[in-house]
N, C-alpha and C. Protein backbone atom coordinates (compact mmCIF):
# COMPACT_ATOMS: atom_id res chain seq x y z
N MET A 1 32.68 -23.63 -43.33
CA MET A 1 32.09 -22.31 -43.37
C MET A 1 30.61 -22.36 -42.96
N ALA A 2 29.89 -23.38 -43.45
CA ALA A 2 28.47 -23.49 -43.14
C ALA A 2 28.27 -23.75 -41.65
N ALA A 3 29.15 -24.55 -41.06
CA ALA A 3 29.05 -24.83 -39.62
C ALA A 3 29.28 -23.55 -38.82
N ARG A 4 30.21 -22.75 -39.28
CA ARG A 4 30.50 -21.48 -38.60
C ARG A 4 29.31 -20.53 -38.68
N MET A 5 28.64 -20.50 -39.83
CA MET A 5 27.46 -19.65 -40.01
C MET A 5 26.31 -20.13 -39.11
N MET A 6 26.13 -21.44 -39.00
CA MET A 6 25.07 -21.99 -38.16
C MET A 6 25.35 -21.67 -36.69
N LEU A 7 26.61 -21.76 -36.29
CA LEU A 7 27.00 -21.44 -34.93
C LEU A 7 26.75 -19.96 -34.64
N PHE A 8 27.08 -19.11 -35.59
CA PHE A 8 26.84 -17.68 -35.44
C PHE A 8 25.34 -17.39 -35.33
N ALA A 9 24.53 -18.02 -36.17
CA ALA A 9 23.08 -17.82 -36.14
C ALA A 9 22.50 -18.30 -34.81
N ALA A 10 22.99 -19.41 -34.30
CA ALA A 10 22.52 -19.92 -33.02
C ALA A 10 22.89 -18.95 -31.89
N ALA A 11 24.08 -18.40 -31.94
CA ALA A 11 24.52 -17.44 -30.92
C ALA A 11 23.67 -16.17 -30.97
N VAL A 12 23.32 -15.71 -32.17
CA VAL A 12 22.48 -14.53 -32.31
C VAL A 12 21.08 -14.80 -31.76
N LEU A 13 20.52 -15.95 -32.06
CA LEU A 13 19.20 -16.31 -31.54
C LEU A 13 19.21 -16.42 -30.02
N LEU A 14 20.24 -17.02 -29.48
CA LEU A 14 20.36 -17.16 -28.03
C LEU A 14 20.48 -15.79 -27.38
N ALA A 15 21.30 -14.94 -27.93
CA ALA A 15 21.49 -13.60 -27.37
C ALA A 15 20.21 -12.79 -27.44
N SER A 16 19.47 -12.89 -28.53
CA SER A 16 18.24 -12.12 -28.65
C SER A 16 17.17 -12.63 -27.69
N SER A 17 17.14 -13.95 -27.46
CA SER A 17 16.14 -14.47 -26.51
C SER A 17 16.51 -14.09 -25.09
N LEU A 18 17.79 -14.04 -24.76
CA LEU A 18 18.22 -13.61 -23.42
C LEU A 18 17.96 -12.12 -23.22
N ALA A 19 18.15 -11.34 -24.25
CA ALA A 19 17.93 -9.90 -24.14
C ALA A 19 16.45 -9.59 -23.96
N ALA A 20 15.57 -10.44 -24.47
CA ALA A 20 14.14 -10.21 -24.36
C ALA A 20 13.61 -10.59 -22.98
N ALA A 21 14.35 -11.42 -22.24
CA ALA A 21 13.89 -11.84 -20.91
C ALA A 21 13.96 -10.65 -19.95
N PRO A 22 12.87 -10.38 -19.23
CA PRO A 22 12.89 -9.23 -18.33
C PRO A 22 13.78 -9.51 -17.10
N LEU A 23 14.49 -8.50 -16.70
CA LEU A 23 15.32 -8.60 -15.51
C LEU A 23 14.53 -8.08 -14.32
N PRO A 24 14.75 -8.63 -13.12
CA PRO A 24 14.02 -8.14 -11.95
C PRO A 24 14.46 -6.71 -11.62
N ASP A 25 13.51 -5.94 -11.12
CA ASP A 25 13.78 -4.56 -10.74
C ASP A 25 14.38 -4.55 -9.34
N PRO A 26 15.64 -4.13 -9.18
CA PRO A 26 16.26 -4.15 -7.85
C PRO A 26 15.64 -3.13 -6.88
N THR A 27 14.88 -2.17 -7.41
CA THR A 27 14.26 -1.17 -6.54
C THR A 27 12.81 -1.50 -6.19
N ALA A 28 12.28 -2.60 -6.74
CA ALA A 28 10.89 -2.96 -6.50
C ALA A 28 10.72 -3.50 -5.08
N LEU A 29 9.54 -3.25 -4.50
CA LEU A 29 9.23 -3.79 -3.18
C LEU A 29 9.16 -5.30 -3.24
N PRO A 30 9.49 -5.98 -2.15
CA PRO A 30 9.30 -7.43 -2.13
C PRO A 30 7.83 -7.77 -2.36
N LYS A 31 7.56 -8.95 -2.89
CA LYS A 31 6.18 -9.34 -3.20
C LYS A 31 5.30 -9.30 -1.97
N SER A 32 5.86 -9.59 -0.79
CA SER A 32 5.05 -9.58 0.42
C SER A 32 4.60 -8.17 0.80
N LEU A 33 5.28 -7.14 0.27
CA LEU A 33 4.92 -5.76 0.60
C LEU A 33 4.32 -5.01 -0.58
N SER A 34 4.23 -5.65 -1.74
CA SER A 34 3.73 -4.95 -2.92
C SER A 34 2.22 -4.85 -2.89
N SER A 35 1.67 -4.07 -3.81
CA SER A 35 0.22 -3.89 -3.85
C SER A 35 -0.50 -5.18 -4.21
N ALA A 36 0.18 -6.12 -4.84
CA ALA A 36 -0.43 -7.40 -5.17
C ALA A 36 -0.79 -8.16 -3.90
N ALA A 37 -0.04 -7.93 -2.83
CA ALA A 37 -0.31 -8.62 -1.58
C ALA A 37 -1.19 -7.79 -0.66
N ALA A 38 -1.72 -6.67 -1.16
CA ALA A 38 -2.53 -5.80 -0.32
C ALA A 38 -3.79 -6.49 0.17
N GLY A 39 -4.32 -7.43 -0.59
CA GLY A 39 -5.52 -8.14 -0.18
C GLY A 39 -5.24 -9.26 0.81
N ALA A 40 -3.96 -9.56 1.05
CA ALA A 40 -3.60 -10.63 1.97
C ALA A 40 -3.82 -10.17 3.40
N PRO A 41 -4.14 -11.07 4.31
CA PRO A 41 -4.31 -10.70 5.71
C PRO A 41 -3.02 -10.14 6.28
N PRO A 42 -3.10 -9.18 7.23
CA PRO A 42 -1.90 -8.57 7.77
C PRO A 42 -0.93 -9.56 8.39
N GLU A 43 -1.42 -10.68 8.95
CA GLU A 43 -0.49 -11.61 9.55
C GLU A 43 0.42 -12.25 8.51
N ASP A 44 -0.02 -12.27 7.25
CA ASP A 44 0.85 -12.79 6.21
C ASP A 44 2.03 -11.86 5.98
N ALA A 45 1.80 -10.55 6.06
CA ALA A 45 2.89 -9.60 5.87
C ALA A 45 3.80 -9.61 7.09
N GLY A 46 3.24 -9.81 8.27
CA GLY A 46 4.04 -9.94 9.48
C GLY A 46 4.69 -8.65 9.92
N LEU A 47 5.57 -8.79 10.86
CA LEU A 47 6.33 -7.68 11.42
C LEU A 47 7.68 -7.65 10.73
N ALA A 48 7.96 -6.59 9.99
CA ALA A 48 9.18 -6.53 9.20
C ALA A 48 10.33 -5.84 9.93
N TRP A 49 10.04 -4.75 10.63
CA TRP A 49 11.09 -4.05 11.37
C TRP A 49 10.50 -3.23 12.49
N VAL A 50 11.36 -2.85 13.42
CA VAL A 50 10.95 -2.09 14.60
C VAL A 50 12.00 -1.02 14.87
N ARG A 51 11.55 0.17 15.25
CA ARG A 51 12.46 1.22 15.72
C ARG A 51 11.97 1.67 17.08
N VAL A 52 12.73 1.37 18.10
CA VAL A 52 12.35 1.69 19.46
C VAL A 52 12.93 3.05 19.83
N ASN A 53 12.02 3.97 20.21
CA ASN A 53 12.44 5.32 20.58
C ASN A 53 11.42 5.88 21.58
N GLY A 54 11.24 5.17 22.69
CA GLY A 54 10.30 5.63 23.71
C GLY A 54 8.89 5.74 23.17
N ARG A 55 8.23 6.88 23.46
CA ARG A 55 6.86 7.10 22.97
C ARG A 55 6.80 7.26 21.47
N HIS A 56 7.93 7.45 20.83
CA HIS A 56 7.97 7.66 19.39
C HIS A 56 8.36 6.40 18.63
N SER A 57 8.27 5.24 19.27
CA SER A 57 8.62 3.98 18.62
C SER A 57 7.64 3.70 17.48
N ILE A 58 8.16 3.09 16.42
CA ILE A 58 7.33 2.71 15.27
C ILE A 58 7.74 1.32 14.81
N ALA A 59 6.86 0.69 14.05
CA ALA A 59 7.14 -0.63 13.49
C ALA A 59 6.47 -0.74 12.13
N TRP A 60 6.98 -1.63 11.30
CA TRP A 60 6.36 -1.92 10.00
C TRP A 60 5.62 -3.22 10.16
N TYR A 61 4.28 -3.12 10.19
CA TYR A 61 3.45 -4.30 10.41
C TYR A 61 2.27 -4.28 9.43
N GLY A 62 2.04 -5.39 8.80
CA GLY A 62 0.91 -5.52 7.88
C GLY A 62 0.99 -4.59 6.69
N GLY A 63 2.19 -4.22 6.28
CA GLY A 63 2.35 -3.38 5.10
C GLY A 63 2.31 -1.89 5.35
N THR A 64 2.21 -1.46 6.62
CA THR A 64 2.22 -0.04 6.95
C THR A 64 3.01 0.20 8.23
N THR A 65 3.35 1.44 8.46
CA THR A 65 4.00 1.77 9.73
C THR A 65 2.92 1.95 10.79
N VAL A 66 3.22 1.46 11.98
CA VAL A 66 2.31 1.60 13.11
C VAL A 66 3.08 2.17 14.29
N LYS A 67 2.35 2.91 15.13
CA LYS A 67 2.95 3.45 16.35
C LYS A 67 2.03 3.12 17.51
N LEU A 68 2.47 3.40 18.70
CA LEU A 68 1.67 3.11 19.89
C LEU A 68 0.29 3.74 19.76
N GLY A 69 -0.74 2.94 20.05
CA GLY A 69 -2.11 3.42 20.01
C GLY A 69 -2.80 3.27 18.67
N ASP A 70 -2.07 2.92 17.61
CA ASP A 70 -2.69 2.76 16.30
C ASP A 70 -3.62 1.54 16.28
N ALA A 71 -4.73 1.67 15.55
CA ALA A 71 -5.68 0.57 15.40
C ALA A 71 -5.13 -0.43 14.40
N VAL A 72 -5.11 -1.71 14.82
CA VAL A 72 -4.61 -2.79 13.98
C VAL A 72 -5.45 -4.02 14.25
N GLU A 73 -6.07 -4.58 13.22
CA GLU A 73 -6.80 -5.84 13.32
C GLU A 73 -7.80 -5.87 14.48
N GLY A 74 -8.59 -4.86 14.63
CA GLY A 74 -9.60 -4.84 15.69
C GLY A 74 -9.04 -4.58 17.07
N GLY A 75 -7.79 -4.25 17.17
CA GLY A 75 -7.16 -3.93 18.45
C GLY A 75 -6.29 -2.70 18.31
N ARG A 76 -5.47 -2.48 19.28
CA ARG A 76 -4.54 -1.34 19.25
C ARG A 76 -3.14 -1.82 19.59
N VAL A 77 -2.15 -1.14 19.01
CA VAL A 77 -0.76 -1.44 19.34
C VAL A 77 -0.51 -0.86 20.73
N THR A 78 -0.26 -1.74 21.70
CA THR A 78 -0.08 -1.29 23.08
C THR A 78 1.37 -1.30 23.52
N ALA A 79 2.25 -1.97 22.77
CA ALA A 79 3.67 -1.98 23.13
C ALA A 79 4.49 -2.26 21.88
N ILE A 80 5.64 -1.61 21.80
CA ILE A 80 6.61 -1.86 20.74
C ILE A 80 7.95 -2.11 21.42
N HIS A 81 8.47 -3.31 21.21
CA HIS A 81 9.75 -3.70 21.80
C HIS A 81 10.75 -3.98 20.69
N GLU A 82 11.99 -4.27 21.06
CA GLU A 82 13.04 -4.48 20.07
C GLU A 82 12.78 -5.64 19.13
N ASP A 83 12.08 -6.68 19.61
CA ASP A 83 11.87 -7.85 18.77
C ASP A 83 10.40 -8.22 18.57
N HIS A 84 9.48 -7.42 19.10
CA HIS A 84 8.06 -7.74 18.93
C HIS A 84 7.18 -6.53 19.23
N ILE A 85 5.91 -6.65 18.81
CA ILE A 85 4.90 -5.67 19.18
C ILE A 85 3.76 -6.41 19.88
N VAL A 86 2.97 -5.68 20.65
CA VAL A 86 1.82 -6.26 21.33
C VAL A 86 0.57 -5.56 20.82
N ILE A 87 -0.42 -6.36 20.40
CA ILE A 87 -1.70 -5.84 19.94
C ILE A 87 -2.75 -6.29 20.94
N SER A 88 -3.47 -5.34 21.53
CA SER A 88 -4.50 -5.66 22.53
C SER A 88 -5.85 -5.21 22.02
N GLY A 89 -6.88 -6.01 22.34
CA GLY A 89 -8.23 -5.67 21.92
C GLY A 89 -9.24 -6.52 22.67
N LYS A 90 -10.46 -6.54 22.15
CA LYS A 90 -11.53 -7.31 22.78
C LYS A 90 -11.20 -8.79 22.86
N GLY A 91 -10.47 -9.29 21.91
CA GLY A 91 -10.11 -10.71 21.87
C GLY A 91 -8.92 -11.06 22.75
N GLY A 92 -8.35 -10.09 23.42
CA GLY A 92 -7.19 -10.35 24.28
C GLY A 92 -5.93 -9.70 23.71
N ARG A 93 -4.80 -10.20 24.19
CA ARG A 93 -3.49 -9.69 23.75
C ARG A 93 -2.85 -10.67 22.79
N ARG A 94 -2.14 -10.12 21.82
CA ARG A 94 -1.40 -10.95 20.87
C ARG A 94 -0.03 -10.33 20.68
N THR A 95 1.00 -11.16 20.75
CA THR A 95 2.36 -10.71 20.55
C THR A 95 2.82 -11.16 19.17
N VAL A 96 3.36 -10.21 18.40
CA VAL A 96 3.85 -10.51 17.05
C VAL A 96 5.36 -10.27 17.06
N TYR A 97 6.11 -11.32 16.78
CA TYR A 97 7.57 -11.26 16.82
C TYR A 97 8.18 -10.99 15.45
N LEU A 98 9.34 -10.35 15.45
CA LEU A 98 10.11 -10.18 14.22
C LEU A 98 10.54 -11.54 13.69
N LEU A 99 11.05 -12.34 14.57
CA LEU A 99 11.51 -13.69 14.22
C LEU A 99 10.68 -14.69 15.01
N ASP A 100 10.74 -15.92 14.60
CA ASP A 100 10.03 -16.97 15.32
C ASP A 100 10.59 -17.03 16.74
N HIS A 101 9.76 -16.73 17.72
CA HIS A 101 10.26 -16.67 19.10
C HIS A 101 10.61 -18.03 19.67
N SER A 102 10.28 -19.11 18.96
CA SER A 102 10.67 -20.43 19.44
C SER A 102 12.13 -20.74 19.13
N ILE A 103 12.73 -19.91 18.27
CA ILE A 103 14.14 -20.09 17.95
C ILE A 103 14.96 -19.43 19.06
N ARG A 104 15.79 -20.19 19.69
CA ARG A 104 16.61 -19.67 20.78
C ARG A 104 18.08 -19.86 20.41
N THR A 105 18.88 -18.88 20.75
CA THR A 105 20.32 -19.05 20.58
C THR A 105 20.85 -19.76 21.81
N PRO A 106 21.73 -20.71 21.63
CA PRO A 106 22.24 -21.43 22.79
C PRO A 106 22.98 -20.47 23.73
N SER A 107 22.70 -20.59 25.00
CA SER A 107 23.39 -19.74 25.96
C SER A 107 24.75 -20.35 26.26
N ARG A 108 25.69 -19.49 26.52
CA ARG A 108 27.03 -19.95 26.84
C ARG A 108 27.15 -20.15 28.34
N ASP A 109 27.81 -21.21 28.71
CA ASP A 109 28.05 -21.47 30.11
C ASP A 109 29.21 -20.58 30.54
N PRO A 110 29.01 -19.68 31.53
CA PRO A 110 30.09 -18.77 31.91
C PRO A 110 31.25 -19.48 32.59
N ARG A 111 31.04 -20.71 33.04
CA ARG A 111 32.12 -21.43 33.72
C ARG A 111 33.00 -22.12 32.69
N PRO A 112 34.30 -22.16 32.94
CA PRO A 112 35.17 -22.90 32.01
C PRO A 112 34.89 -24.39 32.14
N PRO A 113 35.18 -25.16 31.09
CA PRO A 113 34.95 -26.60 31.14
C PRO A 113 35.79 -27.26 32.23
N ALA A 114 35.23 -28.30 32.86
CA ALA A 114 35.94 -29.02 33.92
C ALA A 114 37.11 -29.78 33.33
N ARG A 115 38.19 -29.86 34.10
CA ARG A 115 39.39 -30.58 33.60
C ARG A 115 39.54 -31.89 34.29
């Protein structure tokens, strides 16, 4: 009986400690986009997404939405493409990619293998 009571007390303590642990908020912004990261340089936030729609194209860069002509990091957004944006200014042009542009998918050889 005493062993059963100790087991019950241990289960209650375990359950109460688990209930006290905070659960992550599924609706919270990722840490890279939250206000805590607002002091971080825009290149840390990077390019998160792009919507190409001609002159009305927009992108999420540096924690805010940007469109063609918007001022960003001492330059202006001069192009928005499906996988990158271009920022031009006094220091020259800089291309910011959604993904690491050095990653290439292997191209398929259109010819069938030799027999």
